[in-house]
Protein backbone atom coordinates (compact mmCIF):
# COMPACT_ATOMS: atom_id res chain seq x y z
CA MET A 1 -0.11 -0.06 -0.15
CA ASN A 2 0.93 3.68 -1.28
CA ASN A 3 2.08 6.00 1.68
CA THR A 4 0.52 8.75 0.09
CA PHE A 5 -3.23 8.92 -1.95
CA SER A 6 -4.51 11.34 -5.16
CA ALA A 7 -7.53 13.83 -3.02
CA PHE A 8 -9.64 16.68 -4.56
CA TRP A 9 -8.19 19.59 -1.85
CA VAL A 10 -9.95 22.59 -1.06
CA GLN A 11 -8.32 25.81 0.77
CA GLU A 12 -8.49 29.36 0.96
CA ASN A 13 -6.05 31.52 -0.68
CA THR A 14 -4.83 34.94 1.32
CA ASP A 15 -7.29 36.76 -0.40
CA GLY A 16 -9.94 34.19 0.78
CA LYS A 17 -10.91 32.77 -2.26
CA PHE A 18 -11.28 28.65 -2.39
CA ILE A 19 -9.20 27.40 -4.65
CA SER A 20 -9.14 23.57 -5.61
CA GLU A 21 -6.68 20.92 -7.53
CA VAL A 22 -5.64 17.59 -7.34
CA ARG A 23 -2.74 16.80 -5.06
CA GLU A 24 -0.91 13.97 -3.32
CA LEU A 25 -1.53 13.53 0.39
CA PRO A 26 0.74 11.41 2.43
CA LEU A 27 -2.41 8.42 4.61
CA SER A 28 -0.81 10.40 7.66
CA ARG A 29 -3.35 13.56 6.53
CA LEU A 30 -6.22 11.58 7.09
CA PRO A 31 -8.14 11.17 10.79
CA ASP A 32 -7.55 8.44 13.70
CA ASN A 33 -9.96 6.54 12.88
CA ASP A 34 -10.94 2.25 12.48
CA VAL A 35 -11.43 1.66 9.48
CA LEU A 36 -9.02 2.49 6.41
CA ILE A 37 -11.16 2.23 3.23
CA ARG A 38 -9.66 2.11 -0.63
CA VAL A 39 -12.09 4.27 -2.53
CA HIS A 40 -13.05 3.29 -5.63
CA TYR A 41 -16.28 5.78 -6.74
CA SER A 42 -17.50 8.18 -5.42
CA SER A 43 -20.20 10.58 -6.40
CA LEU A 44 -21.35 14.04 -6.48
CA ASN A 45 -24.12 15.90 -4.25
CA TYR A 46 -25.12 19.52 -3.80
CA LYS A 47 -23.47 19.54 -0.05
CA ASP A 48 -20.25 18.10 -1.61
CA ALA A 49 -20.53 21.53 -4.40
CA LEU A 50 -21.11 23.97 -1.08
CA SER A 51 -18.16 22.32 0.82
CA ALA A 52 -15.54 22.91 -2.10
CA SER A 53 -17.03 26.24 -2.24
CA GLY A 54 -15.96 27.01 0.89
CA ASN A 55 -19.04 27.07 3.06
CA LYS A 56 -18.23 26.86 6.63
CA GLY A 57 -22.23 25.70 7.12
CA VAL A 58 -20.78 22.39 6.22
CA THR A 59 -17.19 22.41 6.71
CA LYS A 60 -15.54 24.39 9.72
CA ASN A 61 -12.00 23.89 8.94
CA TYR A 62 -9.67 23.97 5.68
CA PRO A 63 -7.71 22.78 3.79
CA PHE A 64 -10.50 19.47 2.91
CA VAL A 65 -11.43 16.94 0.70
CA PRO A 66 -14.93 17.05 0.69
CA GLY A 67 -17.13 13.61 -0.85
CA ILE A 68 -19.97 12.57 1.53
CA ASP A 69 -20.00 9.30 -0.30
CA ALA A 70 -17.31 6.88 -1.06
CA SER A 71 -18.14 2.77 -2.02
CA GLY A 72 -14.42 0.83 -1.87
CA GLU A 73 -12.64 -1.86 -0.45
CA VAL A 74 -11.44 -2.07 3.27
CA ALA A 75 -7.62 -1.58 3.44
CA GLU A 76 -7.48 -2.10 7.33
CA ASP A 77 -10.05 -2.52 10.22
CA ARG A 78 -8.12 -2.51 13.53
CA THR A 79 -11.81 -3.74 14.59
CA SER A 80 -11.37 -6.85 13.12
CA THR A 81 -15.53 -6.08 12.09
CA PHE A 82 -14.29 -5.78 8.14
CA SER A 83 -12.19 -7.91 6.03
CA LYS A 84 -9.88 -6.78 3.76
CA GLY A 85 -10.76 -6.64 0.45
CA GLU A 86 -14.29 -6.75 1.77
CA LYS A 87 -16.09 -4.20 -0.65
CA VAL A 88 -18.37 -1.69 1.46
CA ILE A 89 -20.36 1.37 1.17
CA VAL A 90 -19.82 4.94 3.54
CA THR A 91 -22.38 7.94 3.15
CA GLY A 92 -23.83 10.30 5.58
CA TYR A 93 -22.84 10.61 8.84
CA ASP A 94 -19.87 13.33 8.74
CA LEU A 95 -17.86 12.12 5.84
CA GLY A 96 -17.07 14.83 3.49
CA MET A 97 -18.42 17.61 6.45
CA ASN A 98 -15.81 17.75 8.31
CA THR A 99 -14.20 14.42 8.37
CA PHE A 100 -11.53 13.78 4.70
CA GLY A 101 -14.06 12.25 2.30
CA GLY A 102 -14.54 10.13 -0.78
CA PHE A 103 -13.41 12.39 -3.18
CA GLY A 104 -9.78 11.27 -2.28
CA GLU A 105 -8.51 7.74 -2.79
CA TYR A 106 -8.49 6.88 0.92
CA ILE A 107 -10.79 7.67 3.62
CA CYS A 108 -10.49 6.49 7.20
CA VAL A 109 -14.19 5.98 9.44
CA PRO A 110 -15.53 4.70 12.59
CA LYS A 111 -16.48 1.38 11.80
CA ASP A 112 -20.20 2.18 12.48
CA TRP A 113 -20.46 4.19 9.30
CA VAL A 114 -19.16 1.28 7.16
CA VAL A 115 -22.45 -0.80 5.00
CA PRO A 116 -21.20 -3.86 3.86
CA LEU A 117 -21.93 -3.75 -0.09
CA PRO A 118 -25.42 -5.72 -0.78
CA GLU A 119 -24.66 -8.75 -3.05
CA LYS A 120 -26.52 -7.53 -6.11
CA LEU A 121 -24.94 -4.07 -6.04
CA SER A 122 -21.78 -3.02 -7.82
CA LEU A 123 -19.11 -0.23 -5.84
CA LYS A 124 -20.15 1.66 -9.35
CA THR A 125 -23.84 1.46 -9.18
CA ALA A 126 -23.69 2.01 -5.48
CA MET A 127 -22.09 5.47 -6.38
CA ILE A 128 -24.63 6.28 -9.43
CA TYR A 129 -27.29 5.90 -6.10
CA GLY A 130 -25.10 7.78 -3.68
CA THR A 131 -26.30 9.87 -0.93
CA ALA A 132 -29.18 10.56 -3.43
CA GLY A 133 -30.74 7.48 -4.16
CA TYR A 134 -30.43 6.79 -0.56
CA THR A 135 -32.20 9.93 0.32
CA ALA A 136 -35.15 9.34 -2.16
CA ALA A 137 -35.52 5.18 -1.30
CA TYR A 138 -35.92 6.73 2.48
CA GLY A 139 -38.45 9.02 1.34
CA ILE A 140 -39.93 6.65 -0.15
CA LEU A 141 -40.22 4.10 2.70
CA ARG A 142 -41.75 6.80 4.85
CA LEU A 143 -44.48 7.70 2.46
CA GLN A 144 -45.30 3.47 1.92
CA ARG A 145 -45.44 3.47 6.30
CA GLU A 146 -48.21 6.19 5.57
CA LEU A 147 -50.16 3.77 3.20
CA ILE A 148 -49.34 5.60 -0.02
CA GLU A 149 -49.65 2.65 -1.63
CA PRO A 150 -48.58 2.06 -5.57
CA GLY A 151 -51.43 0.97 -8.06
CA LYS A 152 -53.50 3.86 -5.49
CA HIS A 153 -51.47 7.41 -4.75
CA PRO A 154 -50.19 8.87 -8.03
CA VAL A 155 -46.92 10.55 -6.15
CA LEU A 156 -45.27 13.97 -7.13
CA VAL A 157 -41.74 14.81 -7.41
CA THR A 158 -40.45 18.38 -7.13
CA GLY A 159 -36.91 19.20 -8.56
CA ALA A 160 -37.48 16.04 -10.19
CA THR A 161 -34.27 16.29 -12.60
CA GLY A 162 -31.71 17.16 -9.39
CA GLY A 163 -30.34 14.03 -7.68
CA VAL A 164 -32.81 12.61 -5.10
CA GLY A 165 -35.83 14.22 -7.40
CA SER A 166 -34.36 11.40 -10.35
CA MET A 167 -33.88 8.85 -8.32
CA ALA A 168 -37.21 9.47 -6.61
CA VAL A 169 -39.04 9.35 -9.87
CA TYR A 170 -36.44 6.19 -10.99
CA GLN A 171 -37.25 3.82 -7.99
CA LEU A 172 -40.97 5.05 -7.30
CA ALA A 173 -41.49 3.62 -11.12
CA LYS A 174 -39.32 0.71 -9.82
CA LEU A 175 -42.32 -0.23 -7.23
CA GLY A 176 -45.02 0.16 -9.63
CA TYR A 177 -46.09 3.60 -8.88
CA GLU A 178 -47.15 6.41 -11.03
CA VAL A 179 -45.04 9.41 -11.14
CA ILE A 180 -45.77 13.27 -11.78
CA ALA A 181 -42.25 15.00 -12.32
CA ALA A 182 -41.94 18.79 -11.76
CA THR A 183 -39.23 20.30 -12.62
CA GLY A 184 -38.15 23.97 -14.01
CA LYS A 185 -35.89 21.73 -16.71
CA THR A 186 -39.08 20.74 -19.27
CA ASP A 187 -36.82 19.91 -21.88
CA GLN A 188 -35.12 17.34 -19.61
CA ALA A 189 -39.03 15.07 -20.21
CA GLU A 190 -37.70 12.97 -22.35
CA LEU A 191 -34.88 11.86 -19.36
CA LEU A 192 -37.38 11.66 -16.94
CA THR A 193 -39.61 9.41 -19.08
CA ALA A 194 -37.13 7.53 -19.37
CA LEU A 195 -36.22 7.00 -15.79
CA GLY A 196 -40.02 6.38 -15.50
CA ALA A 197 -42.34 9.70 -15.20
CA THR A 198 -45.78 8.86 -16.08
CA GLU A 199 -46.67 12.67 -16.26
CA VAL A 200 -43.86 15.62 -16.43
CA ILE A 201 -45.02 18.92 -15.72
CA HIS A 202 -43.52 22.50 -15.06
CA ARG A 203 -42.99 23.45 -11.16
CA ASP A 204 -45.14 26.15 -11.57
CA GLU A 205 -48.01 23.62 -12.35
CA VAL A 206 -47.93 22.65 -9.13
CA TYR A 207 -48.52 26.42 -7.24
CA PRO A 208 -52.09 27.20 -7.13
CA GLU A 209 -53.71 29.67 -8.58
CA LYS A 210 -55.08 31.52 -5.33
CA LYS A 211 -53.19 30.43 -2.37
CA SER A 212 -55.59 29.71 0.72
CA LEU A 213 -55.21 27.89 4.31
CA LEU A 214 -56.87 24.73 2.58
CA ASN A 215 -56.64 24.73 -1.62
CA LYS A 216 -58.24 22.33 -3.73
CA GLY A 217 -56.39 18.72 -2.58
CA ARG A 218 -54.35 17.19 -5.35
CA TYR A 219 -51.82 14.98 -4.33
CA HIS A 220 -52.00 12.10 -2.15
CA GLY A 221 -47.90 11.50 -1.88
CA VAL A 222 -44.89 14.09 -2.71
CA ILE A 223 -40.95 13.65 -2.80
CA GLU A 224 -40.43 17.21 -1.85
CA THR A 225 -36.75 18.34 -2.39
CA VAL A 226 -36.42 22.00 -2.57
CA GLY A 227 -38.57 23.65 0.27
CA GLY A 228 -39.15 26.88 0.40
CA LYS A 229 -42.27 28.38 -1.16
CA MET A 230 -42.63 24.72 -3.00
CA LEU A 231 -43.20 23.16 0.43
CA GLU A 232 -45.80 25.59 1.75
CA ALA A 233 -47.94 25.61 -2.03
CA LEU A 234 -48.10 22.27 -1.59
CA ILE A 235 -49.42 21.74 2.05
CA PRO A 236 -52.46 22.92 1.72
CA GLN A 237 -52.85 21.18 -1.93
CA MET A 238 -53.04 17.78 0.06
CA LYS A 239 -55.86 15.09 0.34
CA PRO A 240 -56.63 13.69 3.15
CA ASP A 241 -54.31 11.40 4.75
CA GLY A 242 -51.53 12.56 2.14
CA ALA A 243 -48.07 12.73 3.44
CA ILE A 244 -45.17 14.52 1.99
CA ALA A 245 -41.37 13.39 2.39
CA CYS A 246 -39.45 16.76 2.81
CA CYS A 247 -35.46 16.49 2.20
CA GLY A 248 -34.43 19.67 0.05
CA ASN A 249 -34.10 23.74 1.20
CA ILE A 250 -32.57 24.60 -2.19
CA LEU A 251 -35.72 27.47 -2.55
CA GLY A 252 -35.52 28.51 1.48
CA HIS A 253 -35.08 27.09 4.58
CA GLU A 254 -38.48 29.18 6.55
CA LEU A 255 -41.54 27.66 6.05
CA HIS A 256 -45.20 29.54 6.39
CA THR A 257 -48.10 27.26 6.96
CA ASN A 258 -51.06 27.10 9.19
CA VAL A 259 -52.57 23.88 10.69
CA TYR A 260 -55.47 23.16 9.01
CA PRO A 261 -54.17 20.74 6.71
CA PHE A 262 -52.79 18.74 9.24
CA ILE A 263 -56.02 18.56 11.82
CA LEU A 264 -58.52 18.99 9.18
CA ARG A 265 -56.86 16.36 6.60
CA GLY A 266 -54.62 14.24 8.49
CA VAL A 267 -51.40 15.57 6.51
CA SER A 268 -48.26 14.56 7.19
CA LEU A 269 -44.84 16.29 6.70
CA LEU A 270 -41.99 13.57 7.23
CA GLY A 271 -38.60 15.08 7.46
CA ILE A 272 -35.48 13.24 5.60
CA ASP A 273 -32.58 13.57 6.83
CA SER A 274 -30.73 10.40 5.43
CA GLY A 275 -27.38 11.13 7.08
CA ILE A 276 -28.12 10.15 10.73
CA THR A 277 -30.34 6.89 9.88
CA LYS A 278 -29.71 4.54 12.16
CA MET A 279 -27.72 1.27 10.80
CA PRO A 280 -30.79 -1.44 10.74
CA LEU A 281 -32.66 1.01 8.81
CA ARG A 282 -29.71 1.73 6.99
CA LEU A 283 -29.32 -1.52 6.15
CA LYS A 284 -32.91 -1.95 5.13
CA VAL A 285 -32.45 1.03 2.77
CA TRP A 286 -29.68 -0.35 0.99
CA ASP A 287 -31.14 -3.77 0.75
CA GLN A 288 -34.33 -2.25 -0.67
CA ILE A 289 -31.95 -0.25 -3.71
CA ALA A 290 -30.26 -3.39 -4.31
CA GLY A 291 -33.47 -5.39 -5.12
CA TYR A 292 -34.33 -2.70 -8.17
CA GLU A 293 -33.33 -3.84 -11.59
CA ASN A 294 -30.71 -1.06 -12.14
CA ALA A 295 -31.19 -0.04 -15.62
CA PHE A 296 -30.44 2.78 -15.45
CA PRO A 297 -30.45 4.81 -18.96
CA GLU A 298 -26.99 5.74 -20.50
CA SER A 299 -27.54 9.32 -20.44
CA TYR A 300 -28.26 9.81 -16.77
CA TYR A 301 -25.47 9.84 -14.81
CA LYS A 302 -21.48 10.39 -16.35
CA ILE A 303 -17.94 9.07 -15.06
CA ILE A 304 -15.36 11.22 -14.26
CA GLU A 305 -11.79 11.49 -12.61
CA LEU A 306 -10.65 13.56 -10.58
CA GLY A 307 -9.47 16.23 -12.79
CA GLU A 308 -13.04 16.83 -14.16
CA LEU A 309 -14.52 17.40 -10.82
CA GLN A 310 -14.18 21.50 -10.58
CA LYS A 311 -16.28 21.51 -13.71
CA GLU A 312 -18.90 19.63 -12.70
CA ILE A 313 -19.46 21.29 -9.29
CA ASP A 314 -19.46 24.57 -11.10
CA ARG A 315 -22.21 23.44 -13.38
CA MET A 316 -23.82 22.46 -10.08
CA LEU A 317 -23.81 25.58 -8.53
CA GLN A 318 -24.98 27.06 -11.70
CA GLY A 319 -28.61 25.11 -11.71
CA ALA A 320 -26.85 23.53 -14.96
CA GLN A 321 -26.28 19.62 -13.44
CA THR A 322 -28.85 16.94 -14.46
CA GLY A 323 -28.96 13.05 -13.27
CA ARG A 324 -25.56 11.81 -11.73
CA VAL A 325 -22.01 12.23 -11.36
CA VAL A 326 -19.56 9.65 -10.27
CA ILE A 327 -16.21 10.03 -9.60
CA GLU A 328 -13.93 7.17 -10.46
CA HIS A 329 -11.12 6.64 -8.59
CA SER A 330 -9.17 4.97 -11.47
CA ALA A 331 -5.68 4.46 -10.34
CA ASN A 332 -7.51 1.89 -7.70
CA ASN A 333 -9.90 0.36 -9.97
CA ARG A 334 -6.77 -0.38 -12.43
CA ASP A 335 -4.49 -2.44 -9.65
């Protein structure tokens, strides 16, 4: 095993600007945790783009290696929980936030963060899903607990071309749901249809003509990925016993609503935080993901190397990214 590894290194320069480069780091720069993992793949998420831009709400201290997702092989485990060479996944917790993340060829994490790779998943496919796919699967599971069932209740997905939104469209369709995909990028309708959307609408169609304390009930189930005024508009439009799985705040973190949808229609607002899921549920969600056919349209994802990452981060921050971006540590995959 080499004593150095390549990583996407983000640092603050003397002008207070954050810059990135791919550089070699000593393994000693990794935190002193239980399990050393040789990373084969990672994926790009909005939180990674924020970390790579110097957002102190995500990452407190720099220089830093972002990447909240990683899949690879165990190189060392001083607790003997995992065997050397065992294929594993790490998503969530503090990875890529304040613990060096998957944009490096190695990570070192507590054993309680590590998930054995399900048999039906490859390391690459696990990162096509990544945190986005995991979050979508967890949201769907929560809707199912509220008896939002396939064949009975169509499900609306907001922000449908984003990572979580597109993953929700794909997984809901695999489970037999009718899926209404709402997006501002209606030029991506063909991709959303290929992922399984029954109907693609412009996001503006979700807003009622006149906002009231209670609007006409239009939706039974929603995977809501953008927050802000979109979530505010949806709550009064839910049908009796409807449920919204909420997992995003791109349109804002504040929520202005009223109690009537909750006490007169029994609406449920379900918070989805994929980062802190307890391990028994985390294993269940990954097993559910592994059960899909996993035949993604080729146009849905791209495989890149570290040197191409900054360009994709810029695209994401500009709102121009669709589908999934997977980072391959090609040196690790060649060996």
